[in-house]
Amino acid sequence: MLKIQKVLIVCMLGMVSFIATGCDKKVEESKPSIVWVKPAGMVCEANGGEMSMYECQAQWKDAPKICKAFGARLPAFDELKSAMTECGGILNDTDRNENNQTYQKCREKLGFSDSWYWSSTERDSLNGACLHLETGYDVPYIKSSKFNIMCIDVNNSKN
């Protein structure tokens, strides 16, 4: 009987320690930092954009509206750039990026085509910041130009 009591005491102490350290809490799955989503055609076209080769394209002023209508948001330039750098791309290093198959496959897996994408970052009153994801080339473009839009899923991203 004494052995059973000792075993019960040791088990109870173990349980108290387990609970006190928080080990009884469920481990939450961590969200990815950024989840990229393409706006659907109907949302794109209803908010000033147009579909071209399965991509939503729009002027800079319409890009945030399209993402918002899709339940998402347009990325800042640094967030767009992070899609490139996290895949191993290098900003403004066209030769290395175009010849880096690992980077190209990662970029495609994220859903980015070999095209220009708008960011929400404004360079000046006439130009918005955009990035060519295949090459990593970064230039300001006139806001009335039509470029691709990729949005950040606000419900499934950390930020």
N, C-alpha and C. Protein backbone atom coordinates (compact mmCIF):
# COMPACT_ATOMS: atom_id res chain seq x y z
N MET A 1 0.82 -1.19 0.00
CA MET A 1 0.00 0.00 0.00
C MET A 1 0.86 1.26 0.00
N LEU A 2 1.98 1.23 0.72
CA LEU A 2 2.87 2.37 0.79
C LEU A 2 3.50 2.66 -0.57
N LYS A 3 3.82 1.59 -1.32
CA LYS A 3 4.39 1.75 -2.65
C LYS A 3 3.39 2.44 -3.58
N ILE A 4 2.15 2.08 -3.49
CA ILE A 4 1.12 2.68 -4.34
C ILE A 4 0.97 4.16 -4.02
N GLN A 5 1.01 4.52 -2.74
CA GLN A 5 0.91 5.92 -2.35
C GLN A 5 2.09 6.72 -2.89
N LYS A 6 3.30 6.14 -2.82
CA LYS A 6 4.49 6.83 -3.33
C LYS A 6 4.37 7.04 -4.84
N VAL A 7 3.89 6.04 -5.54
CA VAL A 7 3.74 6.16 -6.99
C VAL A 7 2.71 7.23 -7.31
N LEU A 8 1.60 7.25 -6.57
CA LEU A 8 0.59 8.27 -6.80
C LEU A 8 1.13 9.68 -6.53
N ILE A 9 1.90 9.84 -5.51
CA ILE A 9 2.48 11.15 -5.16
C ILE A 9 3.43 11.60 -6.26
N VAL A 10 4.28 10.70 -6.73
CA VAL A 10 5.21 11.04 -7.80
C VAL A 10 4.45 11.42 -9.07
N CYS A 11 3.41 10.68 -9.40
CA CYS A 11 2.59 10.98 -10.58
C CYS A 11 1.92 12.34 -10.44
N MET A 12 1.38 12.62 -9.24
CA MET A 12 0.71 13.89 -9.02
C MET A 12 1.71 15.05 -9.11
N LEU A 13 2.89 14.88 -8.56
CA LEU A 13 3.91 15.93 -8.66
C LEU A 13 4.29 16.16 -10.12
N GLY A 14 4.39 15.09 -10.87
CA GLY A 14 4.70 15.21 -12.30
C GLY A 14 3.61 15.98 -13.03
N MET A 15 2.35 15.71 -12.69
CA MET A 15 1.24 16.41 -13.33
C MET A 15 1.25 17.89 -12.97
N VAL A 16 1.54 18.21 -11.70
CA VAL A 16 1.60 19.61 -11.27
C VAL A 16 2.71 20.33 -12.02
N SER A 17 3.85 19.69 -12.15
CA SER A 17 4.97 20.27 -12.88
C SER A 17 4.60 20.47 -14.34
N PHE A 18 3.93 19.50 -14.94
CA PHE A 18 3.52 19.57 -16.34
C PHE A 18 2.57 20.75 -16.56
N ILE A 19 1.62 20.91 -15.67
CA ILE A 19 0.65 22.00 -15.78
C ILE A 19 1.32 23.34 -15.48
N ALA A 20 2.18 23.40 -14.47
CA ALA A 20 2.83 24.65 -14.07
C ALA A 20 3.73 25.19 -15.17
N THR A 21 4.35 24.32 -15.94
CA THR A 21 5.24 24.79 -17.00
C THR A 21 4.50 25.12 -18.29
N GLY A 22 3.21 24.88 -18.31
CA GLY A 22 2.43 25.21 -19.49
C GLY A 22 2.43 24.11 -20.53
N CYS A 23 2.92 22.96 -20.19
CA CYS A 23 2.99 21.87 -21.15
C CYS A 23 1.62 21.28 -21.46
N ASP A 24 0.62 21.66 -20.69
CA ASP A 24 -0.71 21.14 -20.98
C ASP A 24 -1.40 21.92 -22.09
N LYS A 25 -0.82 23.06 -22.47
CA LYS A 25 -1.43 23.89 -23.50
C LYS A 25 -1.20 23.25 -24.86
N LYS A 26 -2.18 23.41 -25.73
CA LYS A 26 -2.04 22.91 -27.09
C LYS A 26 -1.02 23.77 -27.83
N VAL A 27 -0.20 23.15 -28.61
CA VAL A 27 0.77 23.88 -29.40
C VAL A 27 0.05 24.44 -30.62
N GLU A 28 0.08 25.77 -30.75
CA GLU A 28 -0.58 26.41 -31.89
C GLU A 28 0.31 26.32 -33.11
N GLU A 29 -0.30 26.03 -34.23
CA GLU A 29 0.46 26.01 -35.47
C GLU A 29 0.82 27.45 -35.82
N SER A 30 2.08 27.64 -36.19
CA SER A 30 2.49 29.00 -36.53
C SER A 30 2.06 29.32 -37.96
N LYS A 31 1.63 30.55 -38.13
CA LYS A 31 1.22 31.02 -39.44
C LYS A 31 2.47 31.42 -40.22
N PRO A 32 2.44 31.24 -41.53
CA PRO A 32 3.55 31.74 -42.34
C PRO A 32 3.59 33.26 -42.26
N SER A 33 4.75 33.84 -42.45
CA SER A 33 4.83 35.30 -42.35
C SER A 33 3.96 35.97 -43.40
N ILE A 34 4.00 35.47 -44.65
CA ILE A 34 3.16 36.05 -45.69
C ILE A 34 2.55 34.93 -46.54
N VAL A 35 1.25 35.00 -46.71
CA VAL A 35 0.54 34.09 -47.61
C VAL A 35 0.08 34.93 -48.80
N TRP A 36 0.57 34.58 -49.99
CA TRP A 36 0.28 35.32 -51.20
C TRP A 36 -0.96 34.77 -51.89
N VAL A 37 -1.83 35.66 -52.37
CA VAL A 37 -3.03 35.24 -53.08
C VAL A 37 -3.24 36.14 -54.30
N LYS A 38 -3.76 35.51 -55.38
CA LYS A 38 -4.09 36.25 -56.59
C LYS A 38 -5.57 36.60 -56.56
N PRO A 39 -5.92 37.84 -56.87
CA PRO A 39 -7.34 38.21 -56.93
C PRO A 39 -8.06 37.44 -58.04
N ALA A 40 -9.28 37.03 -57.75
CA ALA A 40 -10.10 36.34 -58.74
C ALA A 40 -10.52 37.33 -59.84
N GLY A 41 -10.81 36.78 -61.00
CA GLY A 41 -11.16 37.60 -62.15
C GLY A 41 -12.32 38.54 -61.93
N MET A 42 -13.39 38.05 -61.31
CA MET A 42 -14.57 38.90 -61.09
C MET A 42 -14.24 40.06 -60.16
N VAL A 43 -13.48 39.80 -59.10
CA VAL A 43 -13.09 40.86 -58.17
C VAL A 43 -12.18 41.86 -58.86
N CYS A 44 -11.25 41.36 -59.64
CA CYS A 44 -10.32 42.20 -60.37
C CYS A 44 -11.07 43.17 -61.29
N GLU A 45 -11.92 42.61 -62.13
CA GLU A 45 -12.61 43.41 -63.13
C GLU A 45 -13.66 44.35 -62.52
N ALA A 46 -14.26 43.96 -61.41
CA ALA A 46 -15.27 44.81 -60.76
C ALA A 46 -14.65 46.01 -60.04
N ASN A 47 -13.32 45.99 -59.89
CA ASN A 47 -12.65 47.06 -59.14
C ASN A 47 -11.59 47.79 -59.94
N GLY A 48 -11.75 47.81 -61.27
CA GLY A 48 -10.88 48.62 -62.11
C GLY A 48 -9.76 47.88 -62.81
N GLY A 49 -9.63 46.58 -62.58
CA GLY A 49 -8.56 45.82 -63.22
C GLY A 49 -9.06 45.04 -64.42
N GLU A 50 -8.15 44.32 -65.03
CA GLU A 50 -8.50 43.44 -66.14
C GLU A 50 -7.65 42.18 -66.04
N MET A 51 -8.20 41.09 -66.54
CA MET A 51 -7.48 39.82 -66.51
C MET A 51 -6.68 39.66 -67.80
N SER A 52 -5.44 39.25 -67.64
CA SER A 52 -4.57 38.99 -68.77
C SER A 52 -3.71 37.78 -68.43
N MET A 53 -3.88 36.72 -69.19
CA MET A 53 -3.11 35.48 -68.97
C MET A 53 -3.23 35.00 -67.51
N TYR A 54 -4.45 34.96 -66.99
CA TYR A 54 -4.77 34.50 -65.64
C TYR A 54 -4.19 35.40 -64.54
N GLU A 55 -3.80 36.60 -64.89
CA GLU A 55 -3.27 37.55 -63.92
C GLU A 55 -4.15 38.78 -63.90
N CYS A 56 -4.38 39.31 -62.69
CA CYS A 56 -5.11 40.56 -62.55
C CYS A 56 -4.11 41.70 -62.75
N GLN A 57 -4.41 42.59 -63.68
CA GLN A 57 -3.57 43.75 -63.94
C GLN A 57 -4.41 45.01 -63.74
N ALA A 58 -3.75 46.03 -63.19
CA ALA A 58 -4.46 47.29 -62.95
C ALA A 58 -3.47 48.42 -62.79
N GLN A 59 -3.99 49.63 -62.81
CA GLN A 59 -3.19 50.79 -62.49
C GLN A 59 -2.92 50.79 -60.98
N TRP A 60 -1.92 51.56 -60.60
CA TRP A 60 -1.50 51.59 -59.20
C TRP A 60 -2.64 52.01 -58.27
N LYS A 61 -3.45 52.98 -58.69
CA LYS A 61 -4.53 53.48 -57.83
C LYS A 61 -5.59 52.41 -57.56
N ASP A 62 -5.79 51.49 -58.49
CA ASP A 62 -6.81 50.46 -58.35
C ASP A 62 -6.31 49.21 -57.61
N ALA A 63 -5.02 49.02 -57.58
CA ALA A 63 -4.46 47.80 -56.99
C ALA A 63 -4.87 47.60 -55.52
N PRO A 64 -4.79 48.61 -54.65
CA PRO A 64 -5.23 48.40 -53.26
C PRO A 64 -6.71 48.07 -53.14
N LYS A 65 -7.55 48.71 -53.98
CA LYS A 65 -8.99 48.44 -53.96
C LYS A 65 -9.27 46.99 -54.32
N ILE A 66 -8.55 46.48 -55.31
CA ILE A 66 -8.76 45.11 -55.75
C ILE A 66 -8.40 44.14 -54.63
N CYS A 67 -7.26 44.35 -54.00
CA CYS A 67 -6.87 43.46 -52.89
C CYS A 67 -7.86 43.54 -51.75
N LYS A 68 -8.28 44.75 -51.41
CA LYS A 68 -9.23 44.92 -50.31
C LYS A 68 -10.56 44.21 -50.61
N ALA A 69 -11.04 44.35 -51.84
CA ALA A 69 -12.29 43.70 -52.23
C ALA A 69 -12.16 42.18 -52.20
N PHE A 70 -10.93 41.69 -52.30
CA PHE A 70 -10.66 40.26 -52.27
C PHE A 70 -10.42 39.78 -50.83
N GLY A 71 -10.53 40.71 -49.85
CA GLY A 71 -10.31 40.36 -48.45
C GLY A 71 -8.84 40.26 -48.11
N ALA A 72 -8.03 41.03 -48.82
CA ALA A 72 -6.59 40.98 -48.64
C ALA A 72 -6.05 42.41 -48.70
N ARG A 73 -4.74 42.53 -48.79
CA ARG A 73 -4.16 43.87 -48.95
C ARG A 73 -2.98 43.82 -49.89
N LEU A 74 -2.70 44.95 -50.52
CA LEU A 74 -1.56 45.08 -51.42
C LEU A 74 -0.29 45.17 -50.58
N PRO A 75 0.76 44.44 -50.93
CA PRO A 75 1.98 44.47 -50.12
C PRO A 75 2.76 45.77 -50.28
N ALA A 76 3.46 46.16 -49.22
CA ALA A 76 4.43 47.25 -49.31
C ALA A 76 5.60 46.73 -50.14
N PHE A 77 6.43 47.62 -50.64
CA PHE A 77 7.55 47.18 -51.48
C PHE A 77 8.45 46.20 -50.75
N ASP A 78 8.75 46.46 -49.48
CA ASP A 78 9.63 45.55 -48.72
C ASP A 78 9.03 44.16 -48.59
N GLU A 79 7.72 44.07 -48.48
CA GLU A 79 7.06 42.76 -48.42
C GLU A 79 7.14 42.03 -49.75
N LEU A 80 6.96 42.77 -50.82
CA LEU A 80 7.08 42.18 -52.16
C LEU A 80 8.52 41.72 -52.39
N LYS A 81 9.44 42.56 -51.98
CA LYS A 81 10.86 42.20 -52.11
C LYS A 81 11.19 40.96 -51.29
N SER A 82 10.53 40.78 -50.14
CA SER A 82 10.80 39.61 -49.30
C SER A 82 10.43 38.31 -50.01
N ALA A 83 9.41 38.35 -50.88
CA ALA A 83 9.06 37.16 -51.66
C ALA A 83 10.24 36.75 -52.52
N MET A 84 10.93 37.74 -53.05
CA MET A 84 12.09 37.47 -53.90
C MET A 84 13.29 37.01 -53.07
N THR A 85 13.62 37.73 -52.02
CA THR A 85 14.83 37.40 -51.26
C THR A 85 14.69 36.10 -50.47
N GLU A 86 13.48 35.79 -49.98
CA GLU A 86 13.28 34.53 -49.26
C GLU A 86 13.41 33.32 -50.18
N CYS A 87 13.23 33.55 -51.47
CA CYS A 87 13.42 32.47 -52.45
C CYS A 87 14.88 32.41 -52.92
N GLY A 88 15.70 33.35 -52.48
CA GLY A 88 17.11 33.35 -52.87
C GLY A 88 17.44 34.34 -53.98
N GLY A 89 16.48 35.19 -54.34
CA GLY A 89 16.74 36.20 -55.36
C GLY A 89 17.49 37.39 -54.79
N ILE A 90 18.10 38.15 -55.69
CA ILE A 90 18.90 39.31 -55.29
C ILE A 90 18.34 40.52 -56.02
N LEU A 91 18.01 41.57 -55.29
CA LEU A 91 17.44 42.78 -55.86
C LEU A 91 18.37 43.36 -56.93
N ASN A 92 17.81 43.65 -58.09
CA ASN A 92 18.52 44.27 -59.21
C ASN A 92 19.74 43.49 -59.71
N ASP A 93 19.70 42.18 -59.60
CA ASP A 93 20.78 41.34 -60.14
C ASP A 93 20.17 40.38 -61.16
N THR A 94 19.79 40.95 -62.30
CA THR A 94 19.04 40.23 -63.32
C THR A 94 19.71 38.93 -63.74
N ASP A 95 21.01 38.97 -64.06
CA ASP A 95 21.70 37.77 -64.55
C ASP A 95 21.64 36.63 -63.55
N ARG A 96 21.96 36.91 -62.30
CA ARG A 96 21.93 35.84 -61.28
C ARG A 96 20.53 35.30 -61.07
N ASN A 97 19.54 36.18 -61.02
CA ASN A 97 18.17 35.74 -60.77
C ASN A 97 17.63 34.90 -61.92
N GLU A 98 17.84 35.35 -63.14
CA GLU A 98 17.32 34.61 -64.30
C GLU A 98 17.97 33.24 -64.43
N ASN A 99 19.21 33.10 -64.01
CA ASN A 99 19.93 31.83 -64.14
C ASN A 99 19.88 30.97 -62.89
N ASN A 100 19.16 31.41 -61.87
CA ASN A 100 19.05 30.66 -60.61
C ASN A 100 17.75 29.84 -60.64
N GLN A 101 17.86 28.57 -60.99
CA GLN A 101 16.69 27.71 -61.12
C GLN A 101 15.95 27.51 -59.79
N THR A 102 16.70 27.47 -58.70
CA THR A 102 16.09 27.32 -57.38
C THR A 102 15.20 28.53 -57.09
N TYR A 103 15.72 29.72 -57.38
CA TYR A 103 14.93 30.93 -57.19
C TYR A 103 13.69 30.93 -58.08
N GLN A 104 13.87 30.60 -59.35
CA GLN A 104 12.76 30.63 -60.30
C GLN A 104 11.65 29.65 -59.90
N LYS A 105 12.02 28.47 -59.44
CA LYS A 105 11.01 27.49 -59.01
C LYS A 105 10.28 27.97 -57.76
N CYS A 106 11.00 28.56 -56.83
CA CYS A 106 10.39 29.08 -55.61
C CYS A 106 9.42 30.22 -55.94
N ARG A 107 9.84 31.13 -56.81
CA ARG A 107 8.99 32.25 -57.23
C ARG A 107 7.69 31.74 -57.85
N GLU A 108 7.82 30.75 -58.72
CA GLU A 108 6.63 30.18 -59.37
C GLU A 108 5.73 29.47 -58.37
N LYS A 109 6.35 28.80 -57.40
CA LYS A 109 5.57 28.10 -56.37
C LYS A 109 4.74 29.08 -55.54
N LEU A 110 5.28 30.27 -55.32
CA LEU A 110 4.53 31.31 -54.58
C LEU A 110 3.39 31.88 -55.42
N GLY A 111 3.43 31.65 -56.74
CA GLY A 111 2.35 32.12 -57.61
C GLY A 111 2.71 33.33 -58.45
N PHE A 112 3.96 33.77 -58.39
CA PHE A 112 4.38 34.94 -59.16
C PHE A 112 4.83 34.52 -60.56
N SER A 113 4.34 35.23 -61.57
CA SER A 113 4.78 34.97 -62.94
C SER A 113 6.04 35.79 -63.22
N ASP A 114 6.51 35.72 -64.44
CA ASP A 114 7.71 36.48 -64.82
C ASP A 114 7.29 37.87 -65.30
N SER A 115 6.75 38.65 -64.39
CA SER A 115 6.19 39.94 -64.76
C SER A 115 6.41 40.96 -63.65
N TRP A 116 5.92 42.17 -63.89
CA TRP A 116 5.98 43.26 -62.92
C TRP A 116 4.79 43.17 -61.97
N TYR A 117 5.03 43.50 -60.70
CA TYR A 117 3.97 43.53 -59.69
C TYR A 117 4.01 44.85 -58.94
N TRP A 118 2.81 45.41 -58.75
CA TRP A 118 2.69 46.65 -57.97
C TRP A 118 2.86 46.36 -56.49
N SER A 119 3.41 47.35 -55.79
CA SER A 119 3.39 47.37 -54.33
C SER A 119 2.56 48.58 -53.92
N SER A 120 2.26 48.69 -52.64
CA SER A 120 1.50 49.85 -52.16
C SER A 120 2.40 51.06 -51.94
N THR A 121 3.70 50.88 -52.09
CA THR A 121 4.67 51.94 -51.84
C THR A 121 4.67 52.95 -52.98
N GLU A 122 4.58 54.20 -52.60
CA GLU A 122 4.60 55.29 -53.57
C GLU A 122 6.02 55.86 -53.63
N ARG A 123 6.57 56.00 -54.83
CA ARG A 123 7.91 56.59 -54.97
C ARG A 123 7.83 58.12 -54.97
N ASP A 124 6.86 58.65 -55.68
CA ASP A 124 6.59 60.09 -55.69
C ASP A 124 5.17 60.27 -56.22
N SER A 125 4.76 61.51 -56.46
CA SER A 125 3.36 61.75 -56.85
C SER A 125 3.00 61.11 -58.20
N LEU A 126 3.98 60.82 -59.04
CA LEU A 126 3.70 60.23 -60.36
C LEU A 126 3.99 58.73 -60.43
N ASN A 127 4.84 58.23 -59.55
CA ASN A 127 5.34 56.86 -59.68
C ASN A 127 5.06 55.99 -58.45
N GLY A 128 4.73 54.75 -58.73
CA GLY A 128 4.58 53.74 -57.68
C GLY A 128 5.75 52.76 -57.77
N ALA A 129 6.02 52.06 -56.68
CA ALA A 129 7.12 51.09 -56.65
C ALA A 129 6.61 49.74 -57.11
N CYS A 130 7.33 49.15 -58.04
CA CYS A 130 6.98 47.81 -58.49
C CYS A 130 8.25 46.99 -58.67
N LEU A 131 8.06 45.69 -58.80
CA LEU A 131 9.18 44.77 -58.86
C LEU A 131 8.91 43.72 -59.93
N HIS A 132 9.91 43.45 -60.73
CA HIS A 132 9.83 42.38 -61.73
C HIS A 132 10.37 41.13 -61.03
N LEU A 133 9.47 40.21 -60.72
CA LEU A 133 9.85 39.07 -59.88
C LEU A 133 10.78 38.08 -60.57
N GLU A 134 10.72 37.94 -61.87
CA GLU A 134 11.63 36.99 -62.54
C GLU A 134 13.08 37.48 -62.45
N THR A 135 13.29 38.77 -62.67
CA THR A 135 14.64 39.31 -62.71
C THR A 135 15.08 39.98 -61.42
N GLY A 136 14.11 40.38 -60.59
CA GLY A 136 14.44 41.12 -59.37
C GLY A 136 14.69 42.59 -59.62
N TYR A 137 14.32 43.04 -60.81
CA TYR A 137 14.57 44.42 -61.18
C TYR A 137 13.53 45.33 -60.53
N ASP A 138 14.02 46.41 -59.93
CA ASP A 138 13.19 47.34 -59.16
C ASP A 138 13.28 48.72 -59.78
N VAL A 139 12.16 49.21 -60.28
CA VAL A 139 12.13 50.59 -60.79
C VAL A 139 10.78 51.21 -60.45
N PRO A 140 10.75 52.53 -60.29
CA PRO A 140 9.46 53.20 -60.14
C PRO A 140 8.81 53.29 -61.51
N TYR A 141 7.51 53.09 -61.54
CA TYR A 141 6.77 53.20 -62.80
C TYR A 141 5.62 54.17 -62.63
N ILE A 142 5.27 54.79 -63.73
CA ILE A 142 4.17 55.74 -63.73
C ILE A 142 2.90 55.02 -63.28
N LYS A 143 2.16 55.64 -62.39
CA LYS A 143 1.01 55.00 -61.75
C LYS A 143 -0.10 54.60 -62.71
N SER A 144 -0.15 55.20 -63.88
CA SER A 144 -1.20 54.84 -64.83
C SER A 144 -0.86 53.57 -65.61
N SER A 145 0.35 53.03 -65.44
CA SER A 145 0.73 51.76 -66.09
C SER A 145 -0.06 50.63 -65.46
N LYS A 146 -0.30 49.59 -66.24
CA LYS A 146 -1.02 48.42 -65.71
C LYS A 146 -0.03 47.28 -65.48
N PHE A 147 0.03 46.85 -64.22
CA PHE A 147 0.91 45.74 -63.86
C PHE A 147 0.13 44.72 -63.05
N ASN A 148 0.74 43.57 -62.85
CA ASN A 148 0.11 42.48 -62.11
C ASN A 148 -0.06 42.85 -60.64
N ILE A 149 -1.02 42.16 -60.03
CA ILE A 149 -1.32 42.37 -58.61
C ILE A 149 -1.29 41.03 -57.89
N MET A 150 -0.54 40.99 -56.82
CA MET A 150 -0.54 39.85 -55.90
C MET A 150 -0.81 40.44 -54.53
N CYS A 151 -1.72 39.82 -53.80
CA CYS A 151 -2.15 40.36 -52.51
C CYS A 151 -1.65 39.51 -51.36
N ILE A 152 -1.68 40.10 -50.17
CA ILE A 152 -1.35 39.38 -48.95
C ILE A 152 -2.65 38.99 -48.26
N ASP A 153 -2.79 37.70 -48.02
CA ASP A 153 -3.96 37.17 -47.30
C ASP A 153 -3.82 37.56 -45.84
N VAL A 154 -4.61 38.53 -45.40
CA VAL A 154 -4.48 39.06 -44.03
C VAL A 154 -4.96 38.08 -42.98
N ASN A 155 -5.80 37.15 -43.34
CA ASN A 155 -6.31 36.18 -42.36
C ASN A 155 -5.35 35.03 -42.10
N ASN A 156 -4.46 34.75 -43.04
CA ASN A 156 -3.55 33.62 -42.90
C ASN A 156 -2.09 33.99 -42.83
N SER A 157 -1.79 35.29 -42.77
CA SER A 157 -0.43 35.76 -42.63
C SER A 157 -0.22 36.30 -41.23
N LYS A 158 1.03 36.32 -40.77
CA LYS A 158 1.32 36.85 -39.44
C LYS A 158 1.12 38.35 -39.36
N ASN A 159 1.42 39.06 -40.45
CA ASN A 159 1.33 40.53 -40.38
C ASN A 159 0.08 41.03 -41.02
